[in-house]
């Protein structure tokens, strides 16, 4: 049995690993994490609002199953598109 350095374990269990010795990245990571949290809340809010409105309408026959499915697909596209905004921020480090 070989005992490896603790840095391997730390790298595997940490949320963020700096690949270069640049502490100026820390504020960038903090901004990115705040933006991620904000987008996640927006996505959850949108999904919750959709489900509160569309599911009862579909259950009571106000909208057809095809319309409900189409709006669900649109909701998913909206959530994915909102999440993709984070890629733009991540590229501009």
PDB file of N, CA and C in Angstrom:
ATOM      1  N   UNK A   1       0.846  -1.173   0.000  1.00  0.00           N
ATOM      2  CA  UNK A   1       0.000   0.000   0.000  1.00  0.00           C
ATOM      3  C   UNK A   1       0.891   1.235   0.000  1.00  0.00           C
ATOM      4  N   UNK A   2       0.558   2.168  -0.867  1.00  0.00           N
ATOM      5  CA  UNK A   2       1.323   3.398  -0.977  1.00  0.00           C
ATOM      6  C   UNK A   2       0.458   4.558  -0.523  1.00  0.00           C
ATOM      7  N   UNK A   3       1.031   5.434   0.243  1.00  0.00           N
ATOM      8  CA  UNK A   3       0.325   6.616   0.702  1.00  0.00           C
ATOM      9  C   UNK A   3       0.721   7.779  -0.203  1.00  0.00           C
ATOM     10  N   UNK A   4      -0.267   8.399  -0.837  1.00  0.00           N
ATOM     11  CA  UNK A   4      -0.022   9.522  -1.728  1.00  0.00           C
ATOM     12  C   UNK A   4      -0.186  10.818  -0.969  1.00  0.00           C
ATOM     13  N   UNK A   5       0.233  11.884  -1.582  1.00  0.00           N
ATOM     14  CA  UNK A   5       0.141  13.198  -0.956  1.00  0.00           C
ATOM     15  C   UNK A   5      -1.297  13.635  -0.746  1.00  0.00           C
ATOM     16  N   UNK A   6      -1.495  14.478   0.224  1.00  0.00           N
ATOM     17  CA  UNK A   6      -2.819  14.984   0.542  1.00  0.00           C
ATOM     18  C   UNK A   6      -3.382  15.905  -0.522  1.00  0.00           C
ATOM     19  N   UNK A   7      -2.521  16.445  -1.384  1.00  0.00           N
ATOM     20  CA  UNK A   7      -3.023  17.369  -2.400  1.00  0.00           C
ATOM     21  C   UNK A   7      -3.939  16.660  -3.407  1.00  0.00           C
ATOM     22  N   UNK A   8      -3.706  15.373  -3.663  1.00  0.00           N
ATOM     23  CA  UNK A   8      -4.594  14.627  -4.555  1.00  0.00           C
ATOM     24  C   UNK A   8      -5.988  14.524  -3.957  1.00  0.00           C
ATOM     25  N   UNK A   9      -6.057  14.212  -2.689  1.00  0.00           N
ATOM     26  CA  UNK A   9      -7.347  14.102  -2.007  1.00  0.00           C
ATOM     27  C   UNK A   9      -8.021  15.465  -1.947  1.00  0.00           C
ATOM     28  N   UNK A  10      -7.281  16.505  -1.646  1.00  0.00           N
ATOM     29  CA  UNK A  10      -7.845  17.852  -1.573  1.00  0.00           C
ATOM     30  C   UNK A  10      -8.405  18.282  -2.927  1.00  0.00           C
ATOM     31  N   UNK A  11      -7.695  17.962  -3.989  1.00  0.00           N
ATOM     32  CA  UNK A  11      -8.168  18.318  -5.322  1.00  0.00           C
ATOM     33  C   UNK A  11      -9.434  17.579  -5.715  1.00  0.00           C
ATOM     34  N   UNK A  12      -9.555  16.335  -5.289  1.00  0.00           N
ATOM     35  CA  UNK A  12     -10.737  15.547  -5.620  1.00  0.00           C
ATOM     36  C   UNK A  12     -11.964  15.968  -4.822  1.00  0.00           C
ATOM     37  N   UNK A  13     -11.773  16.464  -3.636  1.00  0.00           N
ATOM     38  CA  UNK A  13     -12.911  16.786  -2.777  1.00  0.00           C
ATOM     39  C   UNK A  13     -13.286  18.261  -2.768  1.00  0.00           C
ATOM     40  N   UNK A  14     -12.462  19.096  -3.362  1.00  0.00           N
ATOM     41  CA  UNK A  14     -12.748  20.533  -3.324  1.00  0.00           C
ATOM     42  C   UNK A  14     -13.725  20.925  -4.425  1.00  0.00           C
ATOM     43  N   UNK A  15     -14.378  22.051  -4.232  1.00  0.00           N
ATOM     44  CA  UNK A  15     -15.303  22.579  -5.232  1.00  0.00           C
ATOM     45  C   UNK A  15     -14.560  23.308  -6.345  1.00  0.00           C
ATOM     46  N   UNK A  16     -13.474  23.951  -6.006  1.00  0.00           N
ATOM     47  CA  UNK A  16     -12.700  24.731  -6.964  1.00  0.00           C
ATOM     48  C   UNK A  16     -11.223  24.431  -6.748  1.00  0.00           C
ATOM     49  N   UNK A  17     -10.505  24.241  -7.858  1.00  0.00           N
ATOM     50  CA  UNK A  17      -9.059  24.037  -7.798  1.00  0.00           C
ATOM     51  C   UNK A  17      -8.429  25.072  -8.709  1.00  0.00           C
ATOM     52  N   UNK A  18      -7.550  25.879  -8.165  1.00  0.00           N
ATOM     53  CA  UNK A  18      -6.827  26.850  -8.979  1.00  0.00           C
ATOM     54  C   UNK A  18      -5.697  26.123  -9.698  1.00  0.00           C
ATOM     55  N   UNK A  19      -5.721  26.175 -11.015  1.00  0.00           N
ATOM     56  CA  UNK A  19      -4.717  25.467 -11.802  1.00  0.00           C
ATOM     57  C   UNK A  19      -3.453  26.286 -11.983  1.00  0.00           C
ATOM     58  N   UNK A  20      -3.519  27.547 -11.602  1.00  0.00           N
ATOM     59  CA  UNK A  20      -2.324  28.393 -11.678  1.00  0.00           C
ATOM     60  C   UNK A  20      -2.286  29.254 -10.421  1.00  0.00           C
ATOM     61  N   UNK A  21      -1.106  29.666 -10.034  1.00  0.00           N
ATOM     62  CA  UNK A  21      -0.967  30.415  -8.773  1.00  0.00           C
ATOM     63  C   UNK A  21      -1.390  31.877  -8.928  1.00  0.00           C
ATOM     64  N   UNK A  22      -2.685  32.093  -9.133  1.00  0.00           N
ATOM     65  CA  UNK A  22      -3.194  33.437  -9.356  1.00  0.00           C
ATOM     66  C   UNK A  22      -4.401  33.666  -8.455  1.00  0.00           C
ATOM     67  N   UNK A  23      -4.187  34.315  -7.330  1.00  0.00           N
ATOM     68  CA  UNK A  23      -5.271  34.556  -6.385  1.00  0.00           C
ATOM     69  C   UNK A  23      -6.248  35.620  -6.879  1.00  0.00           C
ATOM     70  N   UNK A  24      -5.911  36.292  -7.967  1.00  0.00           N
ATOM     71  CA  UNK A  24      -6.858  37.235  -8.555  1.00  0.00           C
ATOM     72  C   UNK A  24      -8.092  36.516  -9.110  1.00  0.00           C
ATOM     73  N   UNK A  25      -8.007  35.198  -9.273  1.00  0.00           N
ATOM     74  CA  UNK A  25      -9.155  34.424  -9.753  1.00  0.00           C
ATOM     75  C   UNK A  25     -10.225  34.247  -8.677  1.00  0.00           C
ATOM     76  N   UNK A  26      -9.888  34.401  -7.427  1.00  0.00           N
ATOM     77  CA  UNK A  26     -10.841  34.168  -6.339  1.00  0.00           C
ATOM     78  C   UNK A  26     -12.066  35.082  -6.455  1.00  0.00           C
ATOM     79  N   UNK A  27     -11.914  36.396  -6.651  1.00  0.00           N
ATOM     80  CA  UNK A  27     -13.117  37.225  -6.820  1.00  0.00           C
ATOM     81  C   UNK A  27     -13.943  36.825  -8.039  1.00  0.00           C
ATOM     82  N   UNK A  28     -13.280  36.380  -9.105  1.00  0.00           N
ATOM     83  CA  UNK A  28     -14.000  35.913 -10.280  1.00  0.00           C
ATOM     84  C   UNK A  28     -14.841  34.684  -9.946  1.00  0.00           C
ATOM     85  N   UNK A  29     -14.259  33.741  -9.196  1.00  0.00           N
ATOM     86  CA  UNK A  29     -15.012  32.554  -8.780  1.00  0.00           C
ATOM     87  C   UNK A  29     -16.204  32.944  -7.904  1.00  0.00           C
ATOM     88  N   UNK A  30     -16.016  33.923  -7.041  1.00  0.00           N
ATOM     89  CA  UNK A  30     -17.119  34.365  -6.188  1.00  0.00           C
ATOM     90  C   UNK A  30     -18.243  34.985  -7.017  1.00  0.00           C
ATOM     91  N   UNK A  31     -17.893  35.792  -8.016  1.00  0.00           N
ATOM     92  CA  UNK A  31     -18.918  36.371  -8.898  1.00  0.00           C
ATOM     93  C   UNK A  31     -19.624  35.288  -9.699  1.00  0.00           C
ATOM     94  N   UNK A  32     -18.848  34.317 -10.201  1.00  0.00           N
ATOM     95  CA  UNK A  32     -19.439  33.226 -10.969  1.00  0.00           C
ATOM     96  C   UNK A  32     -20.379  32.390 -10.106  1.00  0.00           C
ATOM     97  N   UNK A  33     -19.986  32.130  -8.873  1.00  0.00           N
ATOM     98  CA  UNK A  33     -20.856  31.334  -7.997  1.00  0.00           C
ATOM     99  C   UNK A  33     -22.129  32.102  -7.657  1.00  0.00           C
ATOM    100  N   UNK A  34     -22.032  33.414  -7.457  1.00  0.00           N
ATOM    101  CA  UNK A  34     -23.227  34.215  -7.192  1.00  0.00           C
ATOM    102  C   UNK A  34     -24.150  34.225  -8.415  1.00  0.00           C
ATOM    103  N   UNK A  35     -23.570  34.342  -9.600  1.00  0.00           N
ATOM    104  CA  UNK A  35     -24.375  34.316 -10.822  1.00  0.00           C
ATOM    105  C   UNK A  35     -25.029  32.951 -11.013  1.00  0.00           C
ATOM    106  N   UNK A  36     -24.307  31.893 -10.704  1.00  0.00           N
ATOM    107  CA  UNK A  36     -24.862  30.544 -10.809  1.00  0.00           C
ATOM    108  C   UNK A  36     -26.038  30.372  -9.858  1.00  0.00           C
ATOM    109  N   UNK A  37     -25.881  30.856  -8.643  1.00  0.00           N
ATOM    110  CA  UNK A  37     -26.964  30.783  -7.662  1.00  0.00           C
ATOM    111  C   UNK A  37     -28.188  31.569  -8.150  1.00  0.00           C
ATOM    112  N   UNK A  38     -27.957  32.753  -8.701  1.00  0.00           N
ATOM    113  CA  UNK A  38     -29.047  33.591  -9.196  1.00  0.00           C
ATOM    114  C   UNK A  38     -29.778  32.920 -10.364  1.00  0.00           C
ATOM    115  N   UNK A  39     -29.030  32.367 -11.324  1.00  0.00           N
ATOM    116  CA  UNK A  39     -29.642  31.703 -12.475  1.00  0.00           C
ATOM    117  C   UNK A  39     -30.393  30.445 -12.027  1.00  0.00           C
ATOM    118  N   UNK A  40     -29.855  29.718 -11.085  1.00  0.00           N
ATOM    119  CA  UNK A  40     -30.541  28.533 -10.569  1.00  0.00           C
ATOM    120  C   UNK A  40     -31.873  28.911  -9.941  1.00  0.00           C
ATOM    121  N   UNK A  41     -31.881  29.983  -9.166  1.00  0.00           N
ATOM    122  CA  UNK A  41     -33.142  30.444  -8.558  1.00  0.00           C
ATOM    123  C   UNK A  41     -34.133  30.893  -9.627  1.00  0.00           C
ATOM    124  N   UNK A  42     -33.653  31.575 -10.656  1.00  0.00           N
ATOM    125  CA  UNK A  42     -34.529  31.993 -11.750  1.00  0.00           C
ATOM    126  C   UNK A  42     -35.142  30.775 -12.440  1.00  0.00           C
ATOM    127  N   UNK A  43     -34.315  29.771 -12.705  1.00  0.00           N
ATOM    128  CA  UNK A  43     -34.798  28.572 -13.377  1.00  0.00           C
ATOM    129  C   UNK A  43     -35.816  27.824 -12.521  1.00  0.00           C
ATOM    130  N   UNK A  44     -35.551  27.711 -11.238  1.00  0.00           N
ATOM    131  CA  UNK A  44     -36.504  27.057 -10.347  1.00  0.00           C
ATOM    132  C   UNK A  44     -37.803  27.846 -10.269  1.00  0.00           C
ATOM    133  N   UNK A  45     -37.701  29.161 -10.216  1.00  0.00           N
ATOM    134  CA  UNK A  45     -38.896  30.001 -10.182  1.00  0.00           C
ATOM    135  C   UNK A  45     -39.725  29.840 -11.436  1.00  0.00           C
ATOM    136  N   UNK A  46     -39.073  29.846 -12.589  1.00  0.00           N
ATOM    137  CA  UNK A  46     -39.790  29.684 -13.848  1.00  0.00           C
ATOM    138  C   UNK A  46     -40.454  28.306 -13.906  1.00  0.00           C
ATOM    139  N   UNK A  47     -39.724  27.260 -13.556  1.00  0.00           N
ATOM    140  CA  UNK A  47     -40.282  25.905 -13.606  1.00  0.00           C
ATOM    141  C   UNK A  47     -41.462  25.772 -12.641  1.00  0.00           C
ATOM    142  N   UNK A  48     -41.340  26.345 -11.461  1.00  0.00           N
ATOM    143  CA  UNK A  48     -42.434  26.292 -10.489  1.00  0.00           C
ATOM    144  C   UNK A  48     -43.650  27.039 -11.029  1.00  0.00           C
ATOM    145  N   UNK A  49     -43.448  28.226 -11.561  1.00  0.00           N
ATOM    146  CA  UNK A  49     -44.561  29.012 -12.097  1.00  0.00           C
ATOM    147  C   UNK A  49     -45.239  28.279 -13.252  1.00  0.00           C
ATOM    148  N   UNK A  50     -44.447  27.700 -14.132  1.00  0.00           N
ATOM    149  CA  UNK A  50     -45.024  26.939 -15.238  1.00  0.00           C
ATOM    150  C   UNK A  50     -45.893  25.807 -14.701  1.00  0.00           C
ATOM    151  N   UNK A  51     -45.356  25.039 -13.753  1.00  0.00           N
ATOM    152  CA  UNK A  51     -46.089  23.890 -13.223  1.00  0.00           C
ATOM    153  C   UNK A  51     -47.352  24.309 -12.485  1.00  0.00           C
ATOM    154  N   UNK A  52     -47.309  25.433 -11.784  1.00  0.00           N
ATOM    155  CA  UNK A  52     -48.487  25.903 -11.053  1.00  0.00           C
ATOM    156  C   UNK A  52     -49.596  26.294 -12.030  1.00  0.00           C
ATOM    157  N   UNK A  53     -49.226  26.847 -13.164  1.00  0.00           N
ATOM    158  CA  UNK A  53     -50.228  27.321 -14.128  1.00  0.00           C
ATOM    159  C   UNK A  53     -50.623  26.224 -15.117  1.00  0.00           C
ATOM    160  N   UNK A  54     -49.662  25.610 -15.762  1.00  0.00           N
ATOM    161  CA  UNK A  54     -49.956  24.720 -16.889  1.00  0.00           C
ATOM    162  C   UNK A  54     -50.527  23.369 -16.476  1.00  0.00           C
ATOM    163  N   UNK A  55     -50.055  22.798 -15.391  1.00  0.00           N
ATOM    164  CA  UNK A  55     -50.545  21.466 -15.008  1.00  0.00           C
ATOM    165  C   UNK A  55     -52.032  21.486 -14.659  1.00  0.00           C
ATOM    166  N   UNK A  56     -52.502  22.439 -13.845  1.00  0.00           N
ATOM    167  CA  UNK A  56     -53.959  22.458 -13.608  1.00  0.00           C
ATOM    168  C   UNK A  56     -54.769  22.724 -14.880  1.00  0.00           C
ATOM    169  N   UNK A  57     -54.257  23.609 -15.760  1.00  0.00           N
ATOM    170  CA  UNK A  57     -54.971  23.861 -17.015  1.00  0.00           C
ATOM    171  C   UNK A  57     -55.080  22.596 -17.854  1.00  0.00           C
ATOM    172  N   UNK A  58     -54.005  21.832 -17.910  1.00  0.00           N
ATOM    173  CA  UNK A  58     -54.031  20.576 -18.664  1.00  0.00           C
ATOM    174  C   UNK A  58     -54.907  19.539 -17.958  1.00  0.00           C
ATOM    175  N   UNK A  59     -54.854  19.489 -16.635  1.00  0.00           N
ATOM    176  CA  UNK A  59     -55.638  18.498 -15.889  1.00  0.00           C
ATOM    177  C   UNK A  59     -57.138  18.742 -16.040  1.00  0.00           C
ATOM    178  N   UNK A  60     -57.552  19.996 -16.109  1.00  0.00           N
ATOM    179  CA  UNK A  60     -58.972  20.318 -16.238  1.00  0.00           C
ATOM    180  C   UNK A  60     -59.422  20.448 -17.694  1.00  0.00           C
ATOM    181  N   UNK A  61     -58.525  20.159 -18.620  1.00  0.00           N
ATOM    182  CA  UNK A  61     -58.891  20.154 -20.025  1.00  0.00           C
ATOM    183  C   UNK A  61     -58.987  21.518 -20.675  1.00  0.00           C
ATOM    184  N   UNK A  62     -58.475  22.543 -20.003  1.00  0.00           N
ATOM    185  CA  UNK A  62     -58.514  23.878 -20.583  1.00  0.00           C
ATOM    186  C   UNK A  62     -57.568  23.973 -21.777  1.00  0.00           C
ATOM    187  N   UNK A  63     -56.435  23.324 -21.664  1.00  0.00           N
ATOM    188  CA  UNK A  63     -55.507  23.240 -22.794  1.00  0.00           C
ATOM    189  C   UNK A  63     -55.334  21.769 -23.154  1.00  0.00           C
ATOM    190  N   UNK A  64     -55.059  21.522 -24.398  1.00  0.00           N
ATOM    191  CA  UNK A  64     -54.908  20.135 -24.851  1.00  0.00           C
ATOM    192  C   UNK A  64     -53.560  19.582 -24.401  1.00  0.00           C
ATOM    193  N   UNK A  65     -53.437  18.270 -24.355  1.00  0.00           N
ATOM    194  CA  UNK A  65     -52.142  17.671 -24.015  1.00  0.00           C
ATOM    195  C   UNK A  65     -51.025  18.099 -24.966  1.00  0.00           C
ATOM    196  N   UNK A  66     -51.361  18.305 -26.233  1.00  0.00           N
ATOM    197  CA  UNK A  66     -50.339  18.731 -27.208  1.00  0.00           C
ATOM    198  C   UNK A  66     -49.832  20.127 -26.871  1.00  0.00           C
ATOM    199  N   UNK A  67     -50.740  21.021 -26.506  1.00  0.00           N
ATOM    200  CA  UNK A  67     -50.334  22.380 -26.128  1.00  0.00           C
ATOM    201  C   UNK A  67     -49.522  22.334 -24.836  1.00  0.00           C
ATOM    202  N   UNK A  68     -49.948  21.517 -23.879  1.00  0.00           N
ATOM    203  CA  UNK A  68     -49.203  21.385 -22.624  1.00  0.00           C
ATOM    204  C   UNK A  68     -47.793  20.857 -22.889  1.00  0.00           C
ATOM    205  N   UNK A  69     -47.678  19.877 -23.766  1.00  0.00           N
ATOM    206  CA  UNK A  69     -46.358  19.326 -24.098  1.00  0.00           C
ATOM    207  C   UNK A  69     -45.494  20.364 -24.801  1.00  0.00           C
ATOM    208  N   UNK A  70     -46.099  21.123 -25.707  1.00  0.00           N
ATOM    209  CA  UNK A  70     -45.334  22.150 -26.423  1.00  0.00           C
ATOM    210  C   UNK A  70     -44.859  23.242 -25.472  1.00  0.00           C
ATOM    211  N   UNK A  71     -45.715  23.659 -24.561  1.00  0.00           N
ATOM    212  CA  UNK A  71     -45.288  24.689 -23.610  1.00  0.00           C
ATOM    213  C   UNK A  71     -44.255  24.142 -22.630  1.00  0.00           C
ATOM    214  N   UNK A  72     -44.332  22.867 -22.308  1.00  0.00           N
ATOM    215  CA  UNK A  72     -43.315  22.264 -21.451  1.00  0.00           C
ATOM    216  C   UNK A  72     -41.963  22.252 -22.168  1.00  0.00           C
ATOM    217  N   UNK A  73     -41.968  21.923 -23.447  1.00  0.00           N
ATOM    218  CA  UNK A  73     -40.727  21.957 -24.223  1.00  0.00           C
ATOM    219  C   UNK A  73     -40.188  23.380 -24.289  1.00  0.00           C
ATOM    220  N   UNK A  74     -41.078  24.346 -24.505  1.00  0.00           N
ATOM    221  CA  UNK A  74     -40.655  25.751 -24.512  1.00  0.00           C
ATOM    222  C   UNK A  74     -40.077  26.184 -23.183  1.00  0.00           C
ATOM    223  N   UNK A  75     -40.673  25.701 -22.097  1.00  0.00           N
ATOM    224  CA  UNK A  75     -40.165  26.006 -20.764  1.00  0.00           C
ATOM    225  C   UNK A  75     -38.763  25.441 -20.577  1.00  0.00           C
ATOM    226  N   UNK A  76     -38.555  24.234 -21.063  1.00  0.00           N
ATOM    227  CA  UNK A  76     -37.227  23.617 -20.953  1.00  0.00           C
ATOM    228  C   UNK A  76     -36.190  24.385 -21.766  1.00  0.00           C
ATOM    229  N   UNK A  77     -36.571  24.823 -22.955  1.00  0.00           N
ATOM    230  CA  UNK A  77     -35.655  25.614 -23.785  1.00  0.00           C
ATOM    231  C   UNK A  77     -35.313  26.930 -23.085  1.00  0.00           C
ATOM    232  N   UNK A  78     -36.306  27.538 -22.458  1.00  0.00           N
ATOM    233  CA  UNK A  78     -36.069  28.783 -21.732  1.00  0.00           C
ATOM    234  C   UNK A  78     -35.079  28.575 -20.581  1.00  0.00           C
ATOM    235  N   UNK A  79     -35.250  27.499 -19.832  1.00  0.00           N
ATOM    236  CA  UNK A  79     -34.357  27.207 -18.711  1.00  0.00           C
ATOM    237  C   UNK A  79     -32.930  26.937 -19.208  1.00  0.00           C
ATOM    238  N   UNK A  80     -32.806  26.159 -20.269  1.00  0.00           N
ATOM    239  CA  UNK A  80     -31.472  25.863 -20.811  1.00  0.00           C
ATOM    240  C   UNK A  80     -30.822  27.138 -21.345  1.00  0.00           C
ATOM    241  N   UNK A  81     -31.600  27.943 -22.053  1.00  0.00           N
ATOM    242  CA  UNK A  81     -31.059  29.200 -22.567  1.00  0.00           C
ATOM    243  C   UNK A  81     -30.612  30.132 -21.463  1.00  0.00           C
ATOM    244  N   UNK A  82     -31.385  30.188 -20.395  1.00  0.00           N
ATOM    245  CA  UNK A  82     -31.001  31.016 -19.254  1.00  0.00           C
ATOM    246  C   UNK A  82     -29.702  30.507 -18.629  1.00  0.00           C
ATOM    247  N   UNK A  83     -29.557  29.207 -18.544  1.00  0.00           N
ATOM    248  CA  UNK A  83     -28.344  28.627 -17.968  1.00  0.00           C
ATOM    249  C   UNK A  83     -27.125  28.859 -18.846  1.00  0.00           C
ATOM    250  N   UNK A  84     -27.324  28.904 -20.147  1.00  0.00           N
ATOM    251  CA  UNK A  84     -26.192  29.106 -21.057  1.00  0.00           C
ATOM    252  C   UNK A  84     -25.551  30.483 -20.893  1.00  0.00           C
ATOM    253  N   UNK A  85     -26.269  31.421 -20.292  1.00  0.00           N
ATOM    254  CA  UNK A  85     -25.667  32.738 -20.037  1.00  0.00           C
ATOM    255  C   UNK A  85     -24.447  32.614 -19.139  1.00  0.00           C
ATOM    256  N   UNK A  86     -24.403  31.585 -18.309  1.00  0.00           N
ATOM    257  CA  UNK A  86     -23.252  31.388 -17.419  1.00  0.00           C
ATOM    258  C   UNK A  86     -21.989  31.041 -18.196  1.00  0.00           C
ATOM    259  N   UNK A  87     -22.139  30.384 -19.335  1.00  0.00           N
ATOM    260  CA  UNK A  87     -20.967  30.057 -20.150  1.00  0.00           C
ATOM    261  C   UNK A  87     -20.276  31.315 -20.633  1.00  0.00           C
ATOM    262  N   UNK A  88     -21.071  32.322 -20.964  1.00  0.00           N
ATOM    263  CA  UNK A  88     -20.498  33.594 -21.404  1.00  0.00           C
ATOM    264  C   UNK A  88     -19.665  34.195 -20.285  1.00  0.00           C
ATOM    265  N   UNK A  89     -20.175  34.176 -19.071  1.00  0.00           N
ATOM    266  CA  UNK A  89     -19.434  34.737 -17.945  1.00  0.00           C
ATOM    267  C   UNK A  89     -18.185  33.902 -17.640  1.00  0.00           C
ATOM    268  N   UNK A  90     -18.294  32.597 -17.767  1.00  0.00           N
ATOM    269  CA  UNK A  90     -17.161  31.725 -17.450  1.00  0.00           C
ATOM    270  C   UNK A  90     -16.016  31.913 -18.441  1.00  0.00           C
ATOM    271  N   UNK A  91     -16.331  32.252 -19.672  1.00  0.00           N
ATOM    272  CA  UNK A  91     -15.271  32.442 -20.678  1.00  0.00           C
ATOM    273  C   UNK A  91     -14.491  33.725 -20.458  1.00  0.00           C
ATOM    274  N   UNK A  92     -15.087  34.682 -19.810  1.00  0.00           N
ATOM    275  CA  UNK A  92     -14.442  35.988 -19.648  1.00  0.00           C
ATOM    276  C   UNK A  92     -13.815  36.116 -18.270  1.00  0.00           C
ATOM    277  N   UNK A  93     -12.855  35.265 -18.030  1.00  0.00           N
ATOM    278  CA  UNK A  93     -12.159  35.273 -16.729  1.00  0.00           C
ATOM    279  C   UNK A  93     -11.125  36.353 -16.687  1.00  0.00           C
TER     280      UNK A  93
END
